Amino acid sequence: MTFGNILKKLRQDNNLTQDELAKKIDTSRSNIANYENGKNMPSVDILEKIAKLFDCTTDYLLGKSDIRNPEELKNVKFANAGGLDVEGLDEDDLLELQRQVEYMKKLKQKNKYI
């Protein structure tokens, strides 16, 4: 998914109009429309405001991660273990763990076709 698609979905999931979202992050409705249509990308400042508003990472917004928030990793079930023990890990650790999981999935998918 593209940034625009992700932003639109988050906005709609939170029952916000483009105008309401624009006011919450201190930009214009036309900027929101341009982001959603893929015509423009937000500044780093606006990207961080969007991430904070929707409680997600900038990597998620940019389509680089399927995990919206690293806290979600605490609920991932591994095999029959009943969950992942992530006690003591910070957000950076959880993001690295997610990158490793995504890498393993890509390798597994790649090996299917070999």
PDB file of N, CA and C in Angstrom:
ATOM      1  N   MET A   1       0.835  -1.196   0.000  1.00  0.00           N
ATOM      2  CA  MET A   1       0.000   0.000   0.000  1.00  0.00           C
ATOM      3  C   MET A   1       0.874   1.252   0.000  1.00  0.00           C
ATOM      4  N   THR A   2       0.358   2.286  -0.600  1.00  0.00           N
ATOM      5  CA  THR A   2       1.083   3.550  -0.643  1.00  0.00           C
ATOM      6  C   THR A   2       0.753   4.396   0.579  1.00  0.00           C
ATOM      7  N   PHE A   3       1.579   5.402   0.811  1.00  0.00           N
ATOM      8  CA  PHE A   3       1.318   6.317   1.914  1.00  0.00           C
ATOM      9  C   PHE A   3      -0.097   6.890   1.812  1.00  0.00           C
ATOM     10  N   GLY A   4      -0.477   7.321   0.617  1.00  0.00           N
ATOM     11  CA  GLY A   4      -1.808   7.911   0.432  1.00  0.00           C
ATOM     12  C   GLY A   4      -2.928   6.957   0.806  1.00  0.00           C
ATOM     13  N   ASN A   5      -2.803   5.700   0.392  1.00  0.00           N
ATOM     14  CA  ASN A   5      -3.824   4.693   0.721  1.00  0.00           C
ATOM     15  C   ASN A   5      -3.893   4.449   2.227  1.00  0.00           C
ATOM     16  N   ILE A   6      -2.722   4.375   2.842  1.00  0.00           N
ATOM     17  CA  ILE A   6      -2.666   4.131   4.288  1.00  0.00           C
ATOM     18  C   ILE A   6      -3.281   5.301   5.039  1.00  0.00           C
ATOM     19  N   LEU A   7      -2.919   6.521   4.644  1.00  0.00           N
ATOM     20  CA  LEU A   7      -3.478   7.705   5.304  1.00  0.00           C
ATOM     21  C   LEU A   7      -4.991   7.751   5.173  1.00  0.00           C
ATOM     22  N   LYS A   8      -5.489   7.508   3.981  1.00  0.00           N
ATOM     23  CA  LYS A   8      -6.935   7.539   3.757  1.00  0.00           C
ATOM     24  C   LYS A   8      -7.649   6.494   4.612  1.00  0.00           C
ATOM     25  N   LYS A   9      -7.082   5.288   4.665  1.00  0.00           N
ATOM     26  CA  LYS A   9      -7.699   4.233   5.477  1.00  0.00           C
ATOM     27  C   LYS A   9      -7.715   4.613   6.951  1.00  0.00           C
ATOM     28  N   LEU A  10      -6.598   5.115   7.454  1.00  0.00           N
ATOM     29  CA  LEU A  10      -6.553   5.525   8.862  1.00  0.00           C
ATOM     30  C   LEU A  10      -7.551   6.641   9.137  1.00  0.00           C
ATOM     31  N   ARG A  11      -7.618   7.590   8.231  1.00  0.00           N
ATOM     32  CA  ARG A  11      -8.544   8.717   8.403  1.00  0.00           C
ATOM     33  C   ARG A  11      -9.983   8.207   8.435  1.00  0.00           C
ATOM     34  N   GLN A  12     -10.333   7.368   7.491  1.00  0.00           N
ATOM     35  CA  GLN A  12     -11.697   6.839   7.429  1.00  0.00           C
ATOM     36  C   GLN A  12     -12.005   5.929   8.617  1.00  0.00           C
ATOM     37  N   ASP A  13     -11.041   5.106   9.019  1.00  0.00           N
ATOM     38  CA  ASP A  13     -11.237   4.234  10.178  1.00  0.00           C
ATOM     39  C   ASP A  13     -11.507   5.033  11.453  1.00  0.00           C
ATOM     40  N   ASN A  14     -11.002   6.256  11.479  1.00  0.00           N
ATOM     41  CA  ASN A  14     -11.193   7.127  12.642  1.00  0.00           C
ATOM     42  C   ASN A  14     -12.312   8.142  12.422  1.00  0.00           C
ATOM     43  N   ASN A  15     -13.107   7.911  11.376  1.00  0.00           N
ATOM     44  CA  ASN A  15     -14.268   8.752  11.073  1.00  0.00           C
ATOM     45  C   ASN A  15     -13.930  10.238  11.003  1.00  0.00           C
ATOM     46  N   LEU A  16     -12.828  10.538  10.336  1.00  0.00           N
ATOM     47  CA  LEU A  16     -12.412  11.927  10.157  1.00  0.00           C
ATOM     48  C   LEU A  16     -12.580  12.330   8.699  1.00  0.00           C
ATOM     49  N   THR A  17     -13.009  13.547   8.479  1.00  0.00           N
ATOM     50  CA  THR A  17     -13.009  14.096   7.135  1.00  0.00           C
ATOM     51  C   THR A  17     -11.601  14.617   6.856  1.00  0.00           C
ATOM     52  N   GLN A  18     -11.331  14.917   5.603  1.00  0.00           N
ATOM     53  CA  GLN A  18     -10.035  15.502   5.272  1.00  0.00           C
ATOM     54  C   GLN A  18      -9.855  16.827   6.014  1.00  0.00           C
ATOM     55  N   ASP A  19     -10.922  17.598   6.103  1.00  0.00           N
ATOM     56  CA  ASP A  19     -10.884  18.881   6.805  1.00  0.00           C
ATOM     57  C   ASP A  19     -10.537  18.701   8.285  1.00  0.00           C
ATOM     58  N   GLU A  20     -11.190  17.720   8.933  1.00  0.00           N
ATOM     59  CA  GLU A  20     -10.938  17.477  10.360  1.00  0.00           C
ATOM     60  C   GLU A  20      -9.501  17.021  10.601  1.00  0.00           C
ATOM     61  N   LEU A  21      -9.012  16.141   9.741  1.00  0.00           N
ATOM     62  CA  LEU A  21      -7.635  15.676   9.876  1.00  0.00           C
ATOM     63  C   LEU A  21      -6.665  16.844   9.688  1.00  0.00           C
ATOM     64  N   ALA A  22      -6.922  17.653   8.689  1.00  0.00           N
ATOM     65  CA  ALA A  22      -6.051  18.799   8.410  1.00  0.00           C
ATOM     66  C   ALA A  22      -5.944  19.713   9.636  1.00  0.00           C
ATOM     67  N   LYS A  23      -7.062  19.971  10.277  1.00  0.00           N
ATOM     68  CA  LYS A  23      -7.052  20.841  11.466  1.00  0.00           C
ATOM     69  C   LYS A  23      -6.262  20.210  12.607  1.00  0.00           C
ATOM     70  N   LYS A  24      -6.383  18.902  12.762  1.00  0.00           N
ATOM     71  CA  LYS A  24      -5.691  18.214  13.859  1.00  0.00           C
ATOM     72  C   LYS A  24      -4.173  18.222  13.697  1.00  0.00           C
ATOM     73  N   ILE A  25      -3.701  18.258  12.457  1.00  0.00           N
ATOM     74  CA  ILE A  25      -2.254  18.222  12.245  1.00  0.00           C
ATOM     75  C   ILE A  25      -1.718  19.547  11.694  1.00  0.00           C
ATOM     76  N   ASP A  26      -2.561  20.572  11.704  1.00  0.00           N
ATOM     77  CA  ASP A  26      -2.154  21.926  11.332  1.00  0.00           C
ATOM     78  C   ASP A  26      -1.660  22.029   9.895  1.00  0.00           C
ATOM     79  N   THR A  27      -2.515  21.581   8.987  1.00  0.00           N
ATOM     80  CA  THR A  27      -2.234  21.725   7.555  1.00  0.00           C
ATOM     81  C   THR A  27      -3.558  22.008   6.857  1.00  0.00           C
ATOM     82  N   SER A  28      -3.559  22.009   5.548  1.00  0.00           N
ATOM     83  CA  SER A  28      -4.791  22.310   4.802  1.00  0.00           C
ATOM     84  C   SER A  28      -5.470  21.038   4.307  1.00  0.00           C
ATOM     85  N   ARG A  29      -6.755  21.151   4.015  1.00  0.00           N
ATOM     86  CA  ARG A  29      -7.503  20.028   3.461  1.00  0.00           C
ATOM     87  C   ARG A  29      -6.922  19.635   2.108  1.00  0.00           C
ATOM     88  N   SER A  30      -6.496  20.629   1.323  1.00  0.00           N
ATOM     89  CA  SER A  30      -5.933  20.310   0.002  1.00  0.00           C
ATOM     90  C   SER A  30      -4.633  19.513   0.139  1.00  0.00           C
ATOM     91  N   ASN A  31      -3.843  19.788   1.176  1.00  0.00           N
ATOM     92  CA  ASN A  31      -2.646  18.972   1.405  1.00  0.00           C
ATOM     93  C   ASN A  31      -3.029  17.528   1.683  1.00  0.00           C
ATOM     94  N   ILE A  32      -4.050  17.331   2.528  1.00  0.00           N
ATOM     95  CA  ILE A  32      -4.509  15.968   2.839  1.00  0.00           C
ATOM     96  C   ILE A  32      -4.952  15.273   1.561  1.00  0.00           C
ATOM     97  N   ALA A  33      -5.733  15.963   0.741  1.00  0.00           N
ATOM     98  CA  ALA A  33      -6.206  15.384  -0.527  1.00  0.00           C
ATOM     99  C   ALA A  33      -5.014  15.013  -1.416  1.00  0.00           C
ATOM    100  N   ASN A  34      -4.020  15.888  -1.482  1.00  0.00           N
ATOM    101  CA  ASN A  34      -2.835  15.610  -2.304  1.00  0.00           C
ATOM    102  C   ASN A  34      -2.029  14.435  -1.769  1.00  0.00           C
ATOM    103  N   TYR A  35      -1.954  14.298  -0.443  1.00  0.00           N
ATOM    104  CA  TYR A  35      -1.268  13.135   0.150  1.00  0.00           C
ATOM    105  C   TYR A  35      -2.010  11.861  -0.223  1.00  0.00           C
ATOM    106  N   GLU A  36      -3.319  11.889  -0.053  1.00  0.00           N
ATOM    107  CA  GLU A  36      -4.126  10.695  -0.309  1.00  0.00           C
ATOM    108  C   GLU A  36      -4.121  10.301  -1.784  1.00  0.00           C
ATOM    109  N   ASN A  37      -4.016  11.292  -2.665  1.00  0.00           N
ATOM    110  CA  ASN A  37      -4.000  11.020  -4.109  1.00  0.00           C
ATOM    111  C   ASN A  37      -2.603  10.728  -4.641  1.00  0.00           C
ATOM    112  N   GLY A  38      -1.609  10.774  -3.766  1.00  0.00           N
ATOM    113  CA  GLY A  38      -0.249  10.480  -4.168  1.00  0.00           C
ATOM    114  C   GLY A  38       0.441  11.601  -4.920  1.00  0.00           C
ATOM    115  N   LYS A  39      -0.132  12.795  -4.885  1.00  0.00           N
ATOM    116  CA  LYS A  39       0.470  13.922  -5.598  1.00  0.00           C
ATOM    117  C   LYS A  39       1.622  14.538  -4.819  1.00  0.00           C
ATOM    118  N   ASN A  40       1.561  14.498  -3.504  1.00  0.00           N
ATOM    119  CA  ASN A  40       2.597  15.067  -2.643  1.00  0.00           C
ATOM    120  C   ASN A  40       2.854  14.142  -1.464  1.00  0.00           C
ATOM    121  N   MET A  41       4.019  14.309  -0.871  1.00  0.00           N
ATOM    122  CA  MET A  41       4.358  13.634   0.383  1.00  0.00           C
ATOM    123  C   MET A  41       4.490  14.710   1.456  1.00  0.00           C
ATOM    124  N   PRO A  42       4.128  14.378   2.684  1.00  0.00           N
ATOM    125  CA  PRO A  42       4.224  15.366   3.756  1.00  0.00           C
ATOM    126  C   PRO A  42       5.661  15.601   4.191  1.00  0.00           C
ATOM    127  N   SER A  43       5.866  16.712   4.863  1.00  0.00           N
ATOM    128  CA  SER A  43       7.165  16.970   5.475  1.00  0.00           C
ATOM    129  C   SER A  43       7.351  15.992   6.630  1.00  0.00           C
ATOM    130  N   VAL A  44       8.557  15.896   7.125  1.00  0.00           N
ATOM    131  CA  VAL A  44       8.839  15.022   8.262  1.00  0.00           C
ATOM    132  C   VAL A  44       7.993  15.448   9.460  1.00  0.00           C
ATOM    133  N   ASP A  45       7.858  16.750   9.669  1.00  0.00           N
ATOM    134  CA  ASP A  45       7.068  17.274  10.778  1.00  0.00           C
ATOM    135  C   ASP A  45       5.613  16.810  10.694  1.00  0.00           C
ATOM    136  N   ILE A  46       5.014  16.921   9.524  1.00  0.00           N
ATOM    137  CA  ILE A  46       3.619  16.498   9.339  1.00  0.00           C
ATOM    138  C   ILE A  46       3.509  14.978   9.458  1.00  0.00           C
ATOM    139  N   LEU A  47       4.470  14.261   8.910  1.00  0.00           N
ATOM    140  CA  LEU A  47       4.469  12.797   9.010  1.00  0.00           C
ATOM    141  C   LEU A  47       4.480  12.364  10.476  1.00  0.00           C
ATOM    142  N   GLU A  48       5.295  13.014  11.285  1.00  0.00           N
ATOM    143  CA  GLU A  48       5.358  12.682  12.712  1.00  0.00           C
ATOM    144  C   GLU A  48       4.050  13.032  13.422  1.00  0.00           C
ATOM    145  N   LYS A  49       3.413  14.118  13.032  1.00  0.00           N
ATOM    146  CA  LYS A  49       2.113  14.477  13.625  1.00  0.00           C
ATOM    147  C   LYS A  49       1.056  13.431  13.288  1.00  0.00           C
ATOM    148  N   ILE A  50       1.071  12.963  12.052  1.00  0.00           N
ATOM    149  CA  ILE A  50       0.113  11.932  11.635  1.00  0.00           C
ATOM    150  C   ILE A  50       0.351  10.648  12.421  1.00  0.00           C
ATOM    151  N   ALA A  51       1.616  10.252  12.551  1.00  0.00           N
ATOM    152  CA  ALA A  51       1.957   9.034  13.294  1.00  0.00           C
ATOM    153  C   ALA A  51       1.491   9.146  14.743  1.00  0.00           C
ATOM    154  N   LYS A  52       1.714  10.282  15.346  1.00  0.00           N
ATOM    155  CA  LYS A  52       1.287  10.478  16.738  1.00  0.00           C
ATOM    156  C   LYS A  52      -0.233  10.440  16.856  1.00  0.00           C
ATOM    157  N   LEU A  53      -0.915  11.106  15.948  1.00  0.00           N
ATOM    158  CA  LEU A  53      -2.372  11.146  15.976  1.00  0.00           C
ATOM    159  C   LEU A  53      -2.984   9.749  15.862  1.00  0.00           C
ATOM    160  N   PHE A  54      -2.441   8.937  14.955  1.00  0.00           N
ATOM    161  CA  PHE A  54      -3.001   7.611  14.706  1.00  0.00           C
ATOM    162  C   PHE A  54      -2.280   6.500  15.468  1.00  0.00           C
ATOM    163  N   ASP A  55      -1.393   6.872  16.378  1.00  0.00           N
ATOM    164  CA  ASP A  55      -0.680   5.920  17.224  1.00  0.00           C
ATOM    165  C   ASP A  55      -0.030   4.818  16.397  1.00  0.00           C
ATOM    166  N   CYS A  56       0.788   5.257  15.444  1.00  0.00           N
ATOM    167  CA  CYS A  56       1.493   4.300  14.597  1.00  0.00           C
ATOM    168  C   CYS A  56       2.897   4.832  14.330  1.00  0.00           C
ATOM    169  N   THR A  57       3.699   4.011  13.710  1.00  0.00           N
ATOM    170  CA  THR A  57       5.056   4.427  13.380  1.00  0.00           C
ATOM    171  C   THR A  57       5.075   5.088  12.003  1.00  0.00           C
ATOM    172  N   THR A  58       6.117   5.857  11.759  1.00  0.00           N
ATOM    173  CA  THR A  58       6.274   6.438  10.429  1.00  0.00           C
ATOM    174  C   THR A  58       6.565   5.334   9.413  1.00  0.00           C
ATOM    175  N   ASP A  59       7.237   4.269   9.832  1.00  0.00           N
ATOM    176  CA  ASP A  59       7.469   3.130   8.926  1.00  0.00           C
ATOM    177  C   ASP A  59       6.148   2.533   8.456  1.00  0.00           C
ATOM    178  N   TYR A  60       5.177   2.427   9.366  1.00  0.00           N
ATOM    179  CA  TYR A  60       3.861   1.913   8.994  1.00  0.00           C
ATOM    180  C   TYR A  60       3.207   2.852   7.972  1.00  0.00           C
ATOM    181  N   LEU A  61       3.256   4.152   8.250  1.00  0.00           N
ATOM    182  CA  LEU A  61       2.643   5.123   7.341  1.00  0.00           C
ATOM    183  C   LEU A  61       3.267   5.061   5.952  1.00  0.00           C
ATOM    184  N   LEU A  62       4.565   4.817   5.903  1.00  0.00           N
ATOM    185  CA  LEU A  62       5.269   4.797   4.631  1.00  0.00           C
ATOM    186  C   LEU A  62       5.215   3.435   3.936  1.00  0.00           C
ATOM    187  N   GLY A  63       4.513   2.490   4.552  1.00  0.00           N
ATOM    188  CA  GLY A  63       4.365   1.172   3.954  1.00  0.00           C
ATOM    189  C   GLY A  63       5.577   0.282   4.107  1.00  0.00           C
ATOM    190  N   LYS A  64       6.472   0.628   5.019  1.00  0.00           N
ATOM    191  CA  LYS A  64       7.688  -0.165   5.224  1.00  0.00           C
ATOM    192  C   LYS A  64       7.498  -1.264   6.256  1.00  0.00           C
ATOM    193  N   SER A  65       6.400  -1.224   6.990  1.00  0.00           N
ATOM    194  CA  SER A  65       6.118  -2.231   8.009  1.00  0.00           C
ATOM    195  C   SER A  65       4.628  -2.503   8.051  1.00  0.00           C
ATOM    196  N   ASP A  66       4.276  -3.757   8.284  1.00  0.00           N
ATOM    197  CA  ASP A  66       2.867  -4.120   8.434  1.00  0.00           C
ATOM    198  C   ASP A  66       2.392  -3.924   9.866  1.00  0.00           C
ATOM    199  N   ILE A  67       3.307  -3.696  10.760  1.00  0.00           N
ATOM    200  CA  ILE A  67       2.967  -3.514  12.166  1.00  0.00           C
ATOM    201  C   ILE A  67       2.703  -2.034  12.420  1.00  0.00           C
ATOM    202  N   ARG A  68       1.484  -1.742  12.775  1.00  0.00           N
ATOM    203  CA  ARG A  68       1.097  -0.346  12.992  1.00  0.00           C
ATOM    204  C   ARG A  68       1.817   0.252  14.191  1.00  0.00           C
ATOM    205  N   ASN A  69       1.915  -0.530  15.239  1.00  0.00           N
ATOM    206  CA  ASN A  69       2.529  -0.054  16.471  1.00  0.00           C
ATOM    207  C   ASN A  69       3.322  -1.218  17.066  1.00  0.00           C
ATOM    208  N   PRO A  70       4.569  -0.983  17.449  1.00  0.00           N
ATOM    209  CA  PRO A  70       5.380  -2.085  17.992  1.00  0.00           C
ATOM    210  C   PRO A  70       4.732  -2.794  19.181  1.00  0.00           C
ATOM    211  N   GLU A  71       3.858  -2.118  19.892  1.00  0.00           N
ATOM    212  CA  GLU A  71       3.163  -2.756  21.016  1.00  0.00           C
ATOM    213  C   GLU A  71       2.337  -3.948  20.539  1.00  0.00           C
ATOM    214  N   GLU A  72       1.929  -3.930  19.262  1.00  0.00           N
ATOM    215  CA  GLU A  72       1.155  -5.045  18.711  1.00  0.00           C
ATOM    216  C   GLU A  72       1.951  -6.344  18.737  1.00  0.00           C
ATOM    217  N   LEU A  73       3.275  -6.234  18.673  1.00  0.00           N
ATOM    218  CA  LEU A  73       4.109  -7.441  18.668  1.00  0.00           C
ATOM    219  C   LEU A  73       3.942  -8.252  19.944  1.00  0.00           C
ATOM    220  N   LYS A  74       3.571  -7.597  21.016  1.00  0.00           N
ATOM    221  CA  LYS A  74       3.407  -8.308  22.282  1.00  0.00           C
ATOM    222  C   LYS A  74       2.263  -9.308  22.224  1.00  0.00           C
ATOM    223  N   ASN A  75       1.359  -9.137  21.250  1.00  0.00           N
ATOM    224  CA  ASN A  75       0.203 -10.014  21.136  1.00  0.00           C
ATOM    225  C   ASN A  75       0.368 -11.084  20.060  1.00  0.00           C
ATOM    226  N   VAL A  76       1.496 -11.070  19.366  1.00  0.00           N
ATOM    227  CA  VAL A  76       1.725 -12.052  18.313  1.00  0.00           C
ATOM    228  C   VAL A  76       1.984 -13.419  18.934  1.00  0.00           C
ATOM    229  N   LYS A  77       1.283 -14.422  18.441  1.00  0.00           N
ATOM    230  CA  LYS A  77       1.452 -15.782  18.923  1.00  0.00           C
ATOM    231  C   LYS A  77       2.481 -16.499  18.072  1.00  0.00           C
ATOM    232  N   PHE A  78       3.467 -17.107  18.690  1.00  0.00           N
ATOM    233  CA  PHE A  78       4.480 -17.871  17.981  1.00  0.00           C
ATOM    234  C   PHE A  78       4.265 -19.343  18.273  1.00  0.00           C
ATOM    235  N   ALA A  79       4.010 -20.095  17.206  1.00  0.00           N
ATOM    236  CA  ALA A  79       3.752 -21.533  17.308  1.00  0.00           C
ATOM    237  C   ALA A  79       2.736 -21.778  18.417  1.00  0.00           C
ATOM    238  N   ASN A  80       3.083 -22.613  19.365  1.00  0.00           N
ATOM    239  CA  ASN A  80       2.161 -22.898  20.463  1.00  0.00           C
ATOM    240  C   ASN A  80       2.648 -22.294  21.765  1.00  0.00           C
ATOM    241  N   ALA A  81       3.520 -21.318  21.664  1.00  0.00           N
ATOM    242  CA  ALA A  81       4.135 -20.747  22.864  1.00  0.00           C
ATOM    243  C   ALA A  81       3.192 -19.858  23.660  1.00  0.00           C
ATOM    244  N   GLY A  82       2.065 -19.469  23.074  1.00  0.00           N
ATOM    245  CA  GLY A  82       1.127 -18.628  23.812  1.00  0.00           C
ATOM    246  C   GLY A  82       1.509 -17.164  23.835  1.00  0.00           C
ATOM    247  N   GLY A  83       2.482 -16.777  23.077  1.00  0.00           N
ATOM    248  CA  GLY A  83       2.871 -15.377  23.015  1.00  0.00           C
ATOM    249  C   GLY A  83       4.369 -15.211  23.032  1.00  0.00           C
ATOM    250  N   LEU A  84       4.779 -14.019  22.806  1.00  0.00           N
ATOM    251  CA  LEU A  84       6.195 -13.702  22.737  1.00  0.00           C
ATOM    252  C   LEU A  84       6.590 -12.935  23.983  1.00  0.00           C
ATOM    253  N   ASP A  85       7.622 -13.381  24.652  1.00  0.00           N
ATOM    254  CA  ASP A  85       8.113 -12.681  25.839  1.00  0.00           C
ATOM    255  C   ASP A  85       8.985 -11.525  25.379  1.00  0.00           C
ATOM    256  N   VAL A  86       8.438 -10.308  25.453  1.00  0.00           N
ATOM    257  CA  VAL A  86       9.177  -9.126  25.016  1.00  0.00           C
ATOM    258  C   VAL A  86       9.493  -8.203  26.195  1.00  0.00           C
ATOM    259  N   GLU A  87       9.364  -8.736  27.379  1.00  0.00           N
ATOM    260  CA  GLU A  87       9.653  -7.935  28.560  1.00  0.00           C
ATOM    261  C   GLU A  87      11.095  -7.429  28.499  1.00  0.00           C
ATOM    262  N   GLY A  88      11.269  -6.156  28.756  1.00  0.00           N
ATOM    263  CA  GLY A  88      12.589  -5.555  28.758  1.00  0.00           C
ATOM    264  C   GLY A  88      13.030  -5.001  27.411  1.00  0.00           C
ATOM    265  N   LEU A  89      12.248  -5.266  26.361  1.00  0.00           N
ATOM    266  CA  LEU A  89      12.591  -4.739  25.046  1.00  0.00           C
ATOM    267  C   LEU A  89      11.944  -3.371  24.851  1.00  0.00           C
ATOM    268  N   ASP A  90      12.700  -2.454  24.263  1.00  0.00           N
ATOM    269  CA  ASP A  90      12.134  -1.130  23.990  1.00  0.00           C
ATOM    270  C   ASP A  90      11.575  -1.096  22.564  1.00  0.00           C
ATOM    271  N   GLU A  91      11.067   0.050  22.160  1.00  0.00           N
ATOM    272  CA  GLU A  91      10.424   0.168  20.849  1.00  0.00           C
ATOM    273  C   GLU A  91      11.393  -0.149  19.713  1.00  0.00           C
ATOM    274  N   ASP A  92      12.631   0.305  19.816  1.00  0.00           N
ATOM    275  CA  ASP A  92      13.615   0.006  18.774  1.00  0.00           C
ATOM    276  C   ASP A  92      13.865  -1.493  18.667  1.00  0.00           C
ATOM    277  N   ASP A  93      13.925  -2.181  19.811  1.00  0.00           N
ATOM    278  CA  ASP A  93      14.110  -3.628  19.808  1.00  0.00           C
ATOM    279  C   ASP A  93      12.940  -4.319  19.117  1.00  0.00           C
ATOM    280  N   LEU A  94      11.724  -3.858  19.414  1.00  0.00           N
ATOM    281  CA  LEU A  94      10.540  -4.469  18.819  1.00  0.00           C
ATOM    282  C   LEU A  94      10.487  -4.229  17.316  1.00  0.00           C
ATOM    283  N   LEU A  95      10.897  -3.041  16.888  1.00  0.00           N
ATOM    284  CA  LEU A  95      10.929  -2.766  15.450  1.00  0.00           C
ATOM    285  C   LEU A  95      11.963  -3.644  14.752  1.00  0.00           C
ATOM    286  N   GLU A  96      13.109  -3.835  15.377  1.00  0.00           N
ATOM    287  CA  GLU A  96      14.132  -4.715  14.797  1.00  0.00           C
ATOM    288  C   GLU A  96      13.617  -6.150  14.724  1.00  0.00           C
ATOM    289  N   LEU A  97      12.928  -6.584  15.761  1.00  0.00           N
ATOM    290  CA  LEU A  97      12.348  -7.921  15.763  1.00  0.00           C
ATOM    291  C   LEU A  97      11.357  -8.060  14.607  1.00  0.00           C
ATOM    292  N   GLN A  98      10.536  -7.037  14.395  1.00  0.00           N
ATOM    293  CA  GLN A  98       9.572  -7.081  13.304  1.00  0.00           C
ATOM    294  C   GLN A  98      10.277  -7.138  11.949  1.00  0.00           C
ATOM    295  N   ARG A  99      11.358  -6.383  11.800  1.00  0.00           N
ATOM    296  CA  ARG A  99      12.115  -6.424  10.544  1.00  0.00           C
ATOM    297  C   ARG A  99      12.664  -7.833  10.295  1.00  0.00           C
ATOM    298  N   GLN A 100      13.112  -8.475  11.356  1.00  0.00           N
ATOM    299  CA  GLN A 100      13.640  -9.835  11.222  1.00  0.00           C
ATOM    300  C   GLN A 100      12.538 -10.808  10.810  1.00  0.00           C
ATOM    301  N   VAL A 101      11.375 -10.657  11.402  1.00  0.00           N
ATOM    302  CA  VAL A 101      10.248 -11.529  11.062  1.00  0.00           C
ATOM    303  C   VAL A 101       9.854 -11.316   9.602  1.00  0.00           C
ATOM    304  N   GLU A 102       9.779 -10.049   9.174  1.00  0.00           N
ATOM    305  CA  GLU A 102       9.419  -9.767   7.787  1.00  0.00           C
ATOM    306  C   GLU A 102      10.462 -10.335   6.831  1.00  0.00           C
ATOM    307  N   TYR A 103      11.736 -10.253   7.182  1.00  0.00           N
ATOM    308  CA  TYR A 103      12.809 -10.813   6.367  1.00  0.00           C
ATOM    309  C   TYR A 103      12.647 -12.331   6.236  1.00  0.00           C
ATOM    310  N   MET A 104      12.362 -12.985   7.341  1.00  0.00           N
ATOM    311  CA  MET A 104      12.179 -14.438   7.326  1.00  0.00           C
ATOM    312  C   MET A 104      10.988 -14.821   6.449  1.00  0.00           C
ATOM    313  N   LYS A 105       9.919 -14.051   6.502  1.00  0.00           N
ATOM    314  CA  LYS A 105       8.751 -14.327   5.672  1.00  0.00           C
ATOM    315  C   LYS A 105       9.093 -14.193   4.193  1.00  0.00           C
ATOM    316  N   LYS A 106       9.860 -13.152   3.854  1.00  0.00           N
ATOM    317  CA  LYS A 106      10.258 -12.952   2.458  1.00  0.00           C
ATOM    318  C   LYS A 106      11.124 -14.110   1.975  1.00  0.00           C
ATOM    319  N   LEU A 107      12.063 -14.552   2.809  1.00  0.00           N
ATOM    320  CA  LEU A 107      12.900 -15.692   2.437  1.00  0.00           C
ATOM    321  C   LEU A 107      12.063 -16.936   2.207  1.00  0.00           C
ATOM    322  N   LYS A 108      11.121 -17.158   3.101  1.00  0.00           N
ATOM    323  CA  LYS A 108      10.265 -18.338   2.982  1.00  0.00           C
ATOM    324  C   LYS A 108       9.433 -18.267   1.703  1.00  0.00           C
ATOM    325  N   GLN A 109       8.889 -17.088   1.408  1.00  0.00           N
ATOM    326  CA  GLN A 109       8.097 -16.893   0.199  1.00  0.00           C
ATOM    327  C   GLN A 109       8.967 -17.100  -1.039  1.00  0.00           C
ATOM    328  N   LYS A 110      10.169 -16.582  -1.012  1.00  0.00           N
ATOM    329  CA  LYS A 110      11.108 -16.710  -2.125  1.00  0.00           C
ATOM    330  C   LYS A 110      11.449 -18.177  -2.375  1.00  0.00           C
ATOM    331  N   ASN A 111      11.651 -18.926  -1.302  1.00  0.00           N
ATOM    332  CA  ASN A 111      12.019 -20.342  -1.415  1.00  0.00           C
ATOM    333  C   ASN A 111      10.884 -21.197  -1.958  1.00  0.00           C
ATOM    334  N   LYS A 112       9.647 -20.718  -1.865  1.00  0.00           N
ATOM    335  CA  LYS A 112       8.510 -21.445  -2.420  1.00  0.00           C
ATOM    336  C   LYS A 112       8.628 -21.603  -3.923  1.00  0.00           C
ATOM    337  N   TYR A 113       9.225 -20.609  -4.530  1.00  0.00           N
ATOM    338  CA  TYR A 113       9.263 -20.571  -5.999  1.00  0.00           C
ATOM    339  C   TYR A 113      10.588 -21.054  -6.568  1.00  0.00           C
ATOM    340  N   ILE A 114      11.452 -21.562  -5.716  1.00  0.00           N
ATOM    341  CA  ILE A 114      12.754 -22.045  -6.197  1.00  0.00           C
ATOM    342  C   ILE A 114      12.685 -23.519  -6.512  1.00  0.00           C
TER     343      ILE A 114
END
